[in-house]
Amino acid sequence: LLADEEEEVEEDPEVEYVEGYDELEEAEDIEDFGGFTM
């Protein structure tokens, strides 16, 4: 039980990277281009 508790304390939390703001950037590009073409 003591060994299990030490392992839980020593382990670092796992870091994950997630894509973000792709949809927002695409929407802004389309709006800018639409105003320029008109």
PDB file of all heavy atoms in Angstrom:
ATOM      1  N   LEU A   1       0.825  -1.207   0.000  1.00  0.00           N
ATOM      2  CA  LEU A   1       0.000   0.000   0.000  1.00  0.00           C
ATOM      3  C   LEU A   1       0.861   1.259   0.000  1.00  0.00           C
ATOM      4  O   LEU A   1       0.571   2.234  -0.696  1.00  0.00           O
ATOM      5  CB  LEU A   1      -0.918  -0.011   1.229  1.00  0.00           C
ATOM      6  CG  LEU A   1      -2.015  -1.080   1.239  1.00  0.00           C
ATOM      7  CD1 LEU A   1      -2.725  -1.080   2.587  1.00  0.00           C
ATOM      8  CD2 LEU A   1      -3.008  -0.851   0.109  1.00  0.00           C
ATOM      9  N   LEU A   2       1.957   1.243   0.776  1.00  0.00           N
ATOM     10  CA  LEU A   2       2.846   2.408   0.795  1.00  0.00           C
ATOM     11  C   LEU A   2       3.499   2.637  -0.561  1.00  0.00           C
ATOM     12  O   LEU A   2       3.625   3.767  -1.029  1.00  0.00           O
ATOM     13  CB  LEU A   2       3.923   2.202   1.873  1.00  0.00           C
ATOM     14  CG  LEU A   2       3.419   2.231   3.331  1.00  0.00           C
ATOM     15  CD1 LEU A   2       4.552   1.865   4.277  1.00  0.00           C
ATOM     16  CD2 LEU A   2       2.851   3.591   3.689  1.00  0.00           C
ATOM     17  N   ALA A   3       3.926   1.535  -1.231  1.00  0.00           N
ATOM     18  CA  ALA A   3       4.538   1.675  -2.552  1.00  0.00           C
ATOM     19  C   ALA A   3       3.550   2.250  -3.566  1.00  0.00           C
ATOM     20  O   ALA A   3       3.903   3.095  -4.394  1.00  0.00           O
ATOM     21  CB  ALA A   3       5.057   0.321  -3.017  1.00  0.00           C
ATOM     22  N   ASP A   4       2.303   1.789  -3.516  1.00  0.00           N
ATOM     23  CA  ASP A   4       1.294   2.320  -4.448  1.00  0.00           C
ATOM     24  C   ASP A   4       1.070   3.814  -4.226  1.00  0.00           C
ATOM     25  O   ASP A   4       0.937   4.596  -5.179  1.00  0.00           O
ATOM     26  CB  ASP A   4      -0.026   1.561  -4.269  1.00  0.00           C
ATOM     27  CG  ASP A   4       0.126   0.105  -4.693  1.00  0.00           C
ATOM     28  OD1 ASP A   4       1.065  -0.183  -5.463  1.00  0.00           O
ATOM     29  OD2 ASP A   4      -0.688  -0.723  -4.233  1.00  0.00           O
ATOM     30  N   GLU A   5       1.036   4.239  -2.970  1.00  0.00           N
ATOM     31  CA  GLU A   5       0.839   5.657  -2.691  1.00  0.00           C
ATOM     32  C   GLU A   5       2.012   6.489  -3.200  1.00  0.00           C
ATOM     33  O   GLU A   5       1.840   7.572  -3.757  1.00  0.00           O
ATOM     34  CB  GLU A   5       0.665   5.857  -1.182  1.00  0.00           C
ATOM     35  CG  GLU A   5      -0.654   5.306  -0.641  1.00  0.00           C
ATOM     36  CD  GLU A   5      -0.771   5.482   0.851  1.00  0.00           C
ATOM     37  OE1 GLU A   5       0.202   6.023   1.433  1.00  0.00           O
ATOM     38  OE2 GLU A   5      -1.810   5.090   1.417  1.00  0.00           O
ATOM     39  N   GLU A   6       3.255   5.981  -3.023  1.00  0.00           N
ATOM     40  CA  GLU A   6       4.422   6.719  -3.520  1.00  0.00           C
ATOM     41  C   GLU A   6       4.403   6.846  -5.034  1.00  0.00           C
ATOM     42  O   GLU A   6       4.733   7.880  -5.603  1.00  0.00           O
ATOM     43  CB  GLU A   6       5.697   6.022  -3.056  1.00  0.00           C
ATOM     44  CG  GLU A   6       5.922   6.128  -1.540  1.00  0.00           C
ATOM     45  CD  GLU A   6       7.155   5.374  -1.103  1.00  0.00           C
ATOM     46  OE1 GLU A   6       7.766   4.733  -1.995  1.00  0.00           O
ATOM     47  OE2 GLU A   6       7.492   5.426   0.091  1.00  0.00           O
ATOM     48  N   GLU A   7       4.022   5.776  -5.729  1.00  0.00           N
ATOM     49  CA  GLU A   7       3.946   5.828  -7.186  1.00  0.00           C
ATOM     50  C   GLU A   7       2.922   6.854  -7.658  1.00  0.00           C
ATOM     51  O   GLU A   7       3.148   7.596  -8.609  1.00  0.00           O
ATOM     52  CB  GLU A   7       3.607   4.446  -7.740  1.00  0.00           C
ATOM     53  CG  GLU A   7       4.752   3.445  -7.599  1.00  0.00           C
ATOM     54  CD  GLU A   7       4.367   2.077  -8.111  1.00  0.00           C
ATOM     55  OE1 GLU A   7       3.192   1.943  -8.538  1.00  0.00           O
ATOM     56  OE2 GLU A   7       5.208   1.170  -8.081  1.00  0.00           O
ATOM     57  N   GLU A   8       1.799   6.897  -6.966  1.00  0.00           N
ATOM     58  CA  GLU A   8       0.777   7.867  -7.346  1.00  0.00           C
ATOM     59  C   GLU A   8       1.275   9.297  -7.164  1.00  0.00           C
ATOM     60  O   GLU A   8       0.981  10.186  -7.947  1.00  0.00           O
ATOM     61  CB  GLU A   8      -0.481   7.639  -6.518  1.00  0.00           C
ATOM     62  CG  GLU A   8      -1.215   6.351  -6.883  1.00  0.00           C
ATOM     63  CD  GLU A   8      -2.420   6.131  -6.004  1.00  0.00           C
ATOM     64  OE1 GLU A   8      -2.634   6.980  -5.098  1.00  0.00           O
ATOM     65  OE2 GLU A   8      -3.124   5.122  -6.202  1.00  0.00           O
ATOM     66  N   VAL A   9       2.076   9.534  -6.110  1.00  0.00           N
ATOM     67  CA  VAL A   9       2.584  10.878  -5.866  1.00  0.00           C
ATOM     68  C   VAL A   9       3.660  11.249  -6.881  1.00  0.00           C
ATOM     69  O   VAL A   9       3.734  12.378  -7.368  1.00  0.00           O
ATOM     70  CB  VAL A   9       3.135  10.967  -4.436  1.00  0.00           C
ATOM     71  CG1 VAL A   9       3.846  12.302  -4.223  1.00  0.00           C
ATOM     72  CG2 VAL A   9       2.002  10.795  -3.436  1.00  0.00           C
ATOM     73  N   GLU A  10       4.563  10.310  -7.238  1.00  0.00           N
ATOM     74  CA  GLU A  10       5.686  10.600  -8.122  1.00  0.00           C
ATOM     75  C   GLU A  10       5.257  10.794  -9.575  1.00  0.00           C
ATOM     76  O   GLU A  10       5.905  11.508 -10.331  1.00  0.00           O
ATOM     77  CB  GLU A  10       6.719   9.482  -8.025  1.00  0.00           C
ATOM     78  CG  GLU A  10       7.436   9.467  -6.665  1.00  0.00           C
ATOM     79  CD  GLU A  10       8.396   8.304  -6.562  1.00  0.00           C
ATOM     80  OE1 GLU A  10       8.452   7.521  -7.540  1.00  0.00           O
ATOM     81  OE2 GLU A  10       9.084   8.183  -5.537  1.00  0.00           O
ATOM     82  N   GLU A  11       4.252  10.140 -10.037  1.00  0.00           N
ATOM     83  CA  GLU A  11       3.841  10.229 -11.438  1.00  0.00           C
ATOM     84  C   GLU A  11       3.389  11.646 -11.790  1.00  0.00           C
ATOM     85  O   GLU A  11       2.627  12.272 -11.062  1.00  0.00           O
ATOM     86  CB  GLU A  11       2.698   9.247 -11.714  1.00  0.00           C
ATOM     87  CG  GLU A  11       3.170   7.799 -11.759  1.00  0.00           C
ATOM     88  CD  GLU A  11       2.013   6.876 -12.067  1.00  0.00           C
ATOM     89  OE1 GLU A  11       0.878   7.387 -12.181  1.00  0.00           O
ATOM     90  OE2 GLU A  11       2.241   5.667 -12.182  1.00  0.00           O
ATOM     91  N   ASP A  12       3.949  12.186 -12.953  1.00  0.00           N
ATOM     92  CA  ASP A  12       3.550  13.510 -13.423  1.00  0.00           C
ATOM     93  C   ASP A  12       2.276  13.412 -14.248  1.00  0.00           C
ATOM     94  O   ASP A  12       2.052  12.416 -14.936  1.00  0.00           O
ATOM     95  CB  ASP A  12       4.667  14.119 -14.288  1.00  0.00           C
ATOM     96  CG  ASP A  12       5.913  14.386 -13.461  1.00  0.00           C
ATOM     97  OD1 ASP A  12       5.755  14.626 -12.251  1.00  0.00           O
ATOM     98  OD2 ASP A  12       7.030  14.330 -14.032  1.00  0.00           O
ATOM     99  N   PRO A  13       1.486  14.424 -14.234  1.00  0.00           N
ATOM    100  CA  PRO A  13       0.264  14.376 -15.047  1.00  0.00           C
ATOM    101  C   PRO A  13       0.591  14.392 -16.539  1.00  0.00           C
ATOM    102  O   PRO A  13       1.530  15.071 -16.981  1.00  0.00           O
ATOM    103  CB  PRO A  13      -0.488  15.644 -14.635  1.00  0.00           C
ATOM    104  CG  PRO A  13       0.552  16.535 -14.073  1.00  0.00           C
ATOM    105  CD  PRO A  13       1.585  15.646 -13.435  1.00  0.00           C
ATOM    106  N   GLU A  14      -0.132  13.662 -17.313  1.00  0.00           N
ATOM    107  CA  GLU A  14       0.094  13.559 -18.756  1.00  0.00           C
ATOM    108  C   GLU A  14      -0.366  14.844 -19.457  1.00  0.00           C
ATOM    109  O   GLU A  14      -1.450  15.360 -19.187  1.00  0.00           O
ATOM    110  CB  GLU A  14      -0.679  12.366 -19.316  1.00  0.00           C
ATOM    111  CG  GLU A  14      -0.401  12.099 -20.781  1.00  0.00           C
ATOM    112  CD  GLU A  14      -1.155  10.880 -21.259  1.00  0.00           C
ATOM    113  OE1 GLU A  14      -1.822  10.238 -20.436  1.00  0.00           O
ATOM    114  OE2 GLU A  14      -1.070  10.588 -22.460  1.00  0.00           O
ATOM    115  N   VAL A  15       0.508  15.347 -20.367  1.00  0.00           N
ATOM    116  CA  VAL A  15       0.223  16.592 -21.083  1.00  0.00           C
ATOM    117  C   VAL A  15      -0.257  16.256 -22.481  1.00  0.00           C
ATOM    118  O   VAL A  15       0.357  15.432 -23.182  1.00  0.00           O
ATOM    119  CB  VAL A  15       1.481  17.483 -21.161  1.00  0.00           C
ATOM    120  CG1 VAL A  15       1.164  18.776 -21.913  1.00  0.00           C
ATOM    121  CG2 VAL A  15       1.993  17.777 -19.761  1.00  0.00           C
ATOM    122  N   GLU A  16      -1.338  16.851 -22.905  1.00  0.00           N
ATOM    123  CA  GLU A  16      -1.904  16.626 -24.230  1.00  0.00           C
ATOM    124  C   GLU A  16      -2.064  17.958 -24.943  1.00  0.00           C
ATOM    125  O   GLU A  16      -2.304  18.998 -24.318  1.00  0.00           O
ATOM    126  CB  GLU A  16      -3.273  15.939 -24.116  1.00  0.00           C
ATOM    127  CG  GLU A  16      -3.194  14.539 -23.538  1.00  0.00           C
ATOM    128  CD  GLU A  16      -4.546  13.891 -23.477  1.00  0.00           C
ATOM    129  OE1 GLU A  16      -5.527  14.574 -23.857  1.00  0.00           O
ATOM    130  OE2 GLU A  16      -4.631  12.728 -23.066  1.00  0.00           O
ATOM    131  N   TYR A  17      -1.895  17.927 -26.295  1.00  0.00           N
ATOM    132  CA  TYR A  17      -2.059  19.111 -27.137  1.00  0.00           C
ATOM    133  C   TYR A  17      -3.279  18.917 -28.017  1.00  0.00           C
ATOM    134  O   TYR A  17      -3.421  17.888 -28.673  1.00  0.00           O
ATOM    135  CB  TYR A  17      -0.817  19.327 -27.991  1.00  0.00           C
ATOM    136  CG  TYR A  17       0.427  19.590 -27.154  1.00  0.00           C
ATOM    137  CD1 TYR A  17       1.293  18.567 -26.822  1.00  0.00           C
ATOM    138  CD2 TYR A  17       0.686  20.879 -26.694  1.00  0.00           C
ATOM    139  CE1 TYR A  17       2.409  18.807 -26.056  1.00  0.00           C
ATOM    140  CE2 TYR A  17       1.815  21.132 -25.924  1.00  0.00           C
ATOM    141  CZ  TYR A  17       2.676  20.091 -25.603  1.00  0.00           C
ATOM    142  OH  TYR A  17       3.769  20.339 -24.851  1.00  0.00           O
ATOM    143  N   VAL A  18      -4.121  19.942 -28.087  1.00  0.00           N
ATOM    144  CA  VAL A  18      -5.375  19.853 -28.821  1.00  0.00           C
ATOM    145  C   VAL A  18      -5.459  21.034 -29.773  1.00  0.00           C
ATOM    146  O   VAL A  18      -5.071  22.171 -29.429  1.00  0.00           O
ATOM    147  CB  VAL A  18      -6.579  19.871 -27.849  1.00  0.00           C
ATOM    148  CG1 VAL A  18      -7.870  19.710 -28.632  1.00  0.00           C
ATOM    149  CG2 VAL A  18      -6.442  18.754 -26.842  1.00  0.00           C
ATOM    150  N   GLU A  19      -5.910  20.782 -31.010  1.00  0.00           N
ATOM    151  CA  GLU A  19      -6.069  21.843 -31.995  1.00  0.00           C
ATOM    152  C   GLU A  19      -7.209  22.770 -31.588  1.00  0.00           C
ATOM    153  O   GLU A  19      -8.228  22.309 -31.075  1.00  0.00           O
ATOM    154  CB  GLU A  19      -6.364  21.251 -33.368  1.00  0.00           C
ATOM    155  CG  GLU A  19      -5.228  20.400 -33.919  1.00  0.00           C
ATOM    156  CD  GLU A  19      -5.564  19.838 -35.266  1.00  0.00           C
ATOM    157  OE1 GLU A  19      -6.687  20.119 -35.728  1.00  0.00           O
ATOM    158  OE2 GLU A  19      -4.726  19.137 -35.835  1.00  0.00           O
ATOM    159  N   GLY A  20      -7.018  24.054 -31.848  1.00  0.00           N
ATOM    160  CA  GLY A  20      -8.068  25.003 -31.489  1.00  0.00           C
ATOM    161  C   GLY A  20      -8.062  26.228 -32.387  1.00  0.00           C
ATOM    162  O   GLY A  20      -7.067  26.540 -33.058  1.00  0.00           O
ATOM    163  N   TYR A  21      -9.195  26.957 -32.457  1.00  0.00           N
ATOM    164  CA  TYR A  21      -9.378  28.191 -33.191  1.00  0.00           C
ATOM    165  C   TYR A  21      -9.304  28.009 -34.714  1.00  0.00           C
ATOM    166  O   TYR A  21      -9.138  28.970 -35.444  1.00  0.00           O
ATOM    167  CB  TYR A  21      -8.346  29.242 -32.777  1.00  0.00           C
ATOM    168  CG  TYR A  21      -8.385  29.550 -31.305  1.00  0.00           C
ATOM    169  CD1 TYR A  21      -7.392  29.085 -30.461  1.00  0.00           C
ATOM    170  CD2 TYR A  21      -9.436  30.293 -30.762  1.00  0.00           C
ATOM    171  CE1 TYR A  21      -7.426  29.349 -29.111  1.00  0.00           C
ATOM    172  CE2 TYR A  21      -9.478  30.565 -29.415  1.00  0.00           C
ATOM    173  CZ  TYR A  21      -8.481  30.090 -28.581  1.00  0.00           C
ATOM    174  OH  TYR A  21      -8.524  30.351 -27.252  1.00  0.00           O
ATOM    175  N   ASP A  22      -9.337  26.759 -35.249  1.00  0.00           N
ATOM    176  CA  ASP A  22      -9.322  26.557 -36.708  1.00  0.00           C
ATOM    177  C   ASP A  22     -10.610  27.057 -37.332  1.00  0.00           C
ATOM    178  O   ASP A  22     -10.614  27.749 -38.348  1.00  0.00           O
ATOM    179  CB  ASP A  22      -9.132  25.077 -37.018  1.00  0.00           C
ATOM    180  CG  ASP A  22      -7.736  24.612 -36.617  1.00  0.00           C
ATOM    181  OD1 ASP A  22      -6.868  25.501 -36.486  1.00  0.00           O
ATOM    182  OD2 ASP A  22      -7.527  23.408 -36.420  1.00  0.00           O
ATOM    183  N   GLU A  23     -11.714  26.699 -36.721  1.00  0.00           N
ATOM    184  CA  GLU A  23     -12.999  27.099 -37.287  1.00  0.00           C
ATOM    185  C   GLU A  23     -13.173  28.614 -37.234  1.00  0.00           C
ATOM    186  O   GLU A  23     -13.692  29.235 -38.168  1.00  0.00           O
ATOM    187  CB  GLU A  23     -14.117  26.417 -36.515  1.00  0.00           C
ATOM    188  CG  GLU A  23     -14.078  24.888 -36.647  1.00  0.00           C
ATOM    189  CD  GLU A  23     -15.175  24.252 -35.838  1.00  0.00           C
ATOM    190  OE1 GLU A  23     -15.917  25.014 -35.170  1.00  0.00           O
ATOM    191  OE2 GLU A  23     -15.291  23.017 -35.884  1.00  0.00           O
ATOM    192  N   LEU A  24     -12.690  29.230 -36.118  1.00  0.00           N
ATOM    193  CA  LEU A  24     -12.838  30.685 -36.024  1.00  0.00           C
ATOM    194  C   LEU A  24     -11.997  31.405 -37.073  1.00  0.00           C
ATOM    195  O   LEU A  24     -12.428  32.379 -37.696  1.00  0.00           O
ATOM    196  CB  LEU A  24     -12.428  31.142 -34.628  1.00  0.00           C
ATOM    197  CG  LEU A  24     -13.309  30.630 -33.479  1.00  0.00           C
ATOM    198  CD1 LEU A  24     -12.714  31.062 -32.144  1.00  0.00           C
ATOM    199  CD2 LEU A  24     -14.718  31.169 -33.620  1.00  0.00           C
ATOM    200  N   GLU A  25     -10.739  30.936 -37.296  1.00  0.00           N
ATOM    201  CA  GLU A  25      -9.877  31.575 -38.297  1.00  0.00           C
ATOM    202  C   GLU A  25     -10.465  31.456 -39.694  1.00  0.00           C
ATOM    203  O   GLU A  25     -10.465  32.392 -40.487  1.00  0.00           O
ATOM    204  CB  GLU A  25      -8.500  30.936 -38.244  1.00  0.00           C
ATOM    205  CG  GLU A  25      -7.728  31.312 -36.979  1.00  0.00           C
ATOM    206  CD  GLU A  25      -6.384  30.635 -36.941  1.00  0.00           C
ATOM    207  OE1 GLU A  25      -6.114  29.843 -37.864  1.00  0.00           O
ATOM    208  OE2 GLU A  25      -5.609  30.891 -35.998  1.00  0.00           O
ATOM    209  N   GLU A  26     -11.011  30.275 -40.027  1.00  0.00           N
ATOM    210  CA  GLU A  26     -11.610  30.081 -41.336  1.00  0.00           C
ATOM    211  C   GLU A  26     -12.797  31.019 -41.541  1.00  0.00           C
ATOM    212  O   GLU A  26     -12.979  31.619 -42.599  1.00  0.00           O
ATOM    213  CB  GLU A  26     -12.051  28.631 -41.507  1.00  0.00           C
ATOM    214  CG  GLU A  26     -10.875  27.656 -41.598  1.00  0.00           C
ATOM    215  CD  GLU A  26     -11.345  26.226 -41.679  1.00  0.00           C
ATOM    216  OE1 GLU A  26     -12.577  26.028 -41.668  1.00  0.00           O
ATOM    217  OE2 GLU A  26     -10.498  25.318 -41.763  1.00  0.00           O
ATOM    218  N   ALA A  27     -13.624  31.175 -40.489  1.00  0.00           N
ATOM    219  CA  ALA A  27     -14.787  32.055 -40.612  1.00  0.00           C
ATOM    220  C   ALA A  27     -14.358  33.502 -40.819  1.00  0.00           C
ATOM    221  O   ALA A  27     -14.934  34.238 -41.617  1.00  0.00           O
ATOM    222  CB  ALA A  27     -15.666  31.937 -39.366  1.00  0.00           C
ATOM    223  N   GLU A  28     -13.297  33.953 -40.086  1.00  0.00           N
ATOM    224  CA  GLU A  28     -12.822  35.331 -40.256  1.00  0.00           C
ATOM    225  C   GLU A  28     -12.272  35.552 -41.667  1.00  0.00           C
ATOM    226  O   GLU A  28     -12.486  36.587 -42.294  1.00  0.00           O
ATOM    227  CB  GLU A  28     -11.752  35.632 -39.217  1.00  0.00           C
ATOM    228  CG  GLU A  28     -12.317  35.726 -37.798  1.00  0.00           C
ATOM    229  CD  GLU A  28     -11.228  35.911 -36.784  1.00  0.00           C
ATOM    230  OE1 GLU A  28     -10.050  35.907 -37.204  1.00  0.00           O
ATOM    231  OE2 GLU A  28     -11.549  36.048 -35.595  1.00  0.00           O
ATOM    232  N   ASP A  29     -11.498  34.573 -42.230  1.00  0.00           N
ATOM    233  CA  ASP A  29     -10.948  34.707 -43.582  1.00  0.00           C
ATOM    234  C   ASP A  29     -12.058  34.858 -44.612  1.00  0.00           C
ATOM    235  O   ASP A  29     -11.988  35.671 -45.536  1.00  0.00           O
ATOM    236  CB  ASP A  29     -10.079  33.496 -43.905  1.00  0.00           C
ATOM    237  CG  ASP A  29      -8.842  33.452 -43.007  1.00  0.00           C
ATOM    238  OD1 ASP A  29      -8.496  34.513 -42.449  1.00  0.00           O
ATOM    239  OD2 ASP A  29      -8.266  32.361 -42.847  1.00  0.00           O
ATOM    240  N   ILE A  30     -13.095  34.064 -44.453  1.00  0.00           N
ATOM    241  CA  ILE A  30     -14.201  34.116 -45.417  1.00  0.00           C
ATOM    242  C   ILE A  30     -14.888  35.473 -45.363  1.00  0.00           C
ATOM    243  O   ILE A  30     -15.228  36.080 -46.384  1.00  0.00           O
ATOM    244  CB  ILE A  30     -15.200  32.979 -45.142  1.00  0.00           C
ATOM    245  CG1 ILE A  30     -14.539  31.629 -45.473  1.00  0.00           C
ATOM    246  CG2 ILE A  30     -16.462  33.160 -45.974  1.00  0.00           C
ATOM    247  CD1 ILE A  30     -15.313  30.438 -44.988  1.00  0.00           C
ATOM    248  N   GLU A  31     -15.092  36.024 -44.134  1.00  0.00           N
ATOM    249  CA  GLU A  31     -15.749  37.324 -44.025  1.00  0.00           C
ATOM    250  C   GLU A  31     -14.907  38.426 -44.662  1.00  0.00           C
ATOM    251  O   GLU A  31     -15.402  39.287 -45.387  1.00  0.00           O
ATOM    252  CB  GLU A  31     -16.014  37.631 -42.550  1.00  0.00           C
ATOM    253  CG  GLU A  31     -17.103  36.753 -41.948  1.00  0.00           C
ATOM    254  CD  GLU A  31     -17.284  37.047 -40.481  1.00  0.00           C
ATOM    255  OE1 GLU A  31     -16.541  37.922 -39.972  1.00  0.00           O
ATOM    256  OE2 GLU A  31     -18.148  36.426 -39.872  1.00  0.00           O
ATOM    257  N   ASP A  32     -13.554  38.391 -44.411  1.00  0.00           N
ATOM    258  CA  ASP A  32     -12.683  39.419 -45.002  1.00  0.00           C
ATOM    259  C   ASP A  32     -12.693  39.347 -46.521  1.00  0.00           C
ATOM    260  O   ASP A  32     -12.783  40.359 -47.225  1.00  0.00           O
ATOM    261  CB  ASP A  32     -11.259  39.251 -44.467  1.00  0.00           C
ATOM    262  CG  ASP A  32     -11.202  39.511 -42.981  1.00  0.00           C
ATOM    263  OD1 ASP A  32     -12.122  40.186 -42.473  1.00  0.00           O
ATOM    264  OD2 ASP A  32     -10.265  39.010 -42.325  1.00  0.00           O
ATOM    265  N   PHE A  33     -12.610  38.145 -47.038  1.00  0.00           N
ATOM    266  CA  PHE A  33     -12.596  37.985 -48.479  1.00  0.00           C
ATOM    267  C   PHE A  33     -13.918  38.406 -49.121  1.00  0.00           C
ATOM    268  O   PHE A  33     -13.971  38.993 -50.175  1.00  0.00           O
ATOM    269  CB  PHE A  33     -12.266  36.539 -48.822  1.00  0.00           C
ATOM    270  CG  PHE A  33     -12.280  36.277 -50.294  1.00  0.00           C
ATOM    271  CD1 PHE A  33     -11.260  36.784 -51.116  1.00  0.00           C
ATOM    272  CD2 PHE A  33     -13.316  35.571 -50.869  1.00  0.00           C
ATOM    273  CE1 PHE A  33     -11.275  36.543 -52.473  1.00  0.00           C
ATOM    274  CE2 PHE A  33     -13.334  35.351 -52.236  1.00  0.00           C
ATOM    275  CZ  PHE A  33     -12.313  35.818 -53.041  1.00  0.00           C
ATOM    276  N   GLY A  34     -15.029  38.097 -48.437  1.00  0.00           N
ATOM    277  CA  GLY A  34     -16.333  38.475 -48.972  1.00  0.00           C
ATOM    278  C   GLY A  34     -16.477  39.983 -49.077  1.00  0.00           C
ATOM    279  O   GLY A  34     -16.956  40.538 -50.056  1.00  0.00           O
ATOM    280  N   GLY A  35     -15.990  40.736 -48.077  1.00  0.00           N
ATOM    281  CA  GLY A  35     -16.067  42.196 -48.143  1.00  0.00           C
ATOM    282  C   GLY A  35     -15.190  42.775 -49.246  1.00  0.00           C
ATOM    283  O   GLY A  35     -15.544  43.707 -49.952  1.00  0.00           O
ATOM    284  N   PHE A  36     -14.002  42.183 -49.421  1.00  0.00           N
ATOM    285  CA  PHE A  36     -13.090  42.670 -50.461  1.00  0.00           C
ATOM    286  C   PHE A  36     -13.649  42.434 -51.851  1.00  0.00           C
ATOM    287  O   PHE A  36     -13.600  43.283 -52.721  1.00  0.00           O
ATOM    288  CB  PHE A  36     -11.741  41.963 -50.292  1.00  0.00           C
ATOM    289  CG  PHE A  36     -10.797  42.248 -51.424  1.00  0.00           C
ATOM    290  CD1 PHE A  36     -10.149  43.486 -51.512  1.00  0.00           C
ATOM    291  CD2 PHE A  36     -10.573  41.300 -52.409  1.00  0.00           C
ATOM    292  CE1 PHE A  36      -9.278  43.740 -52.555  1.00  0.00           C
ATOM    293  CE2 PHE A  36      -9.709  41.563 -53.437  1.00  0.00           C
ATOM    294  CZ  PHE A  36      -9.048  42.791 -53.525  1.00  0.00           C
ATOM    295  N   THR A  37     -14.232  41.334 -52.147  1.00  0.00           N
ATOM    296  CA  THR A  37     -14.752  40.997 -53.482  1.00  0.00           C
ATOM    297  C   THR A  37     -15.914  41.902 -53.851  1.00  0.00           C
ATOM    298  O   THR A  37     -16.048  42.323 -55.003  1.00  0.00           O
ATOM    299  CB  THR A  37     -15.195  39.541 -53.517  1.00  0.00           C
ATOM    300  OG1 THR A  37     -16.075  39.319 -52.423  1.00  0.00           O
ATOM    301  CG2 THR A  37     -13.989  38.621 -53.372  1.00  0.00           C
ATOM    302  N   MET A  38     -16.797  42.236 -52.840  1.00  0.00           N
ATOM    303  CA  MET A  38     -17.927  43.105 -53.175  1.00  0.00           C
ATOM    304  C   MET A  38     -17.463  44.511 -53.557  1.00  0.00           C
ATOM    305  O   MET A  38     -17.909  45.091 -54.541  1.00  0.00           O
ATOM    306  CB  MET A  38     -18.876  43.182 -51.969  1.00  0.00           C
ATOM    307  CG  MET A  38     -19.600  41.861 -51.669  1.00  0.00           C
ATOM    308  SD  MET A  38     -20.701  41.376 -53.007  1.00  0.00           S
ATOM    309  CE  MET A  38     -21.957  42.629 -52.832  1.00  0.00           C
TER     310      MET A  38
END
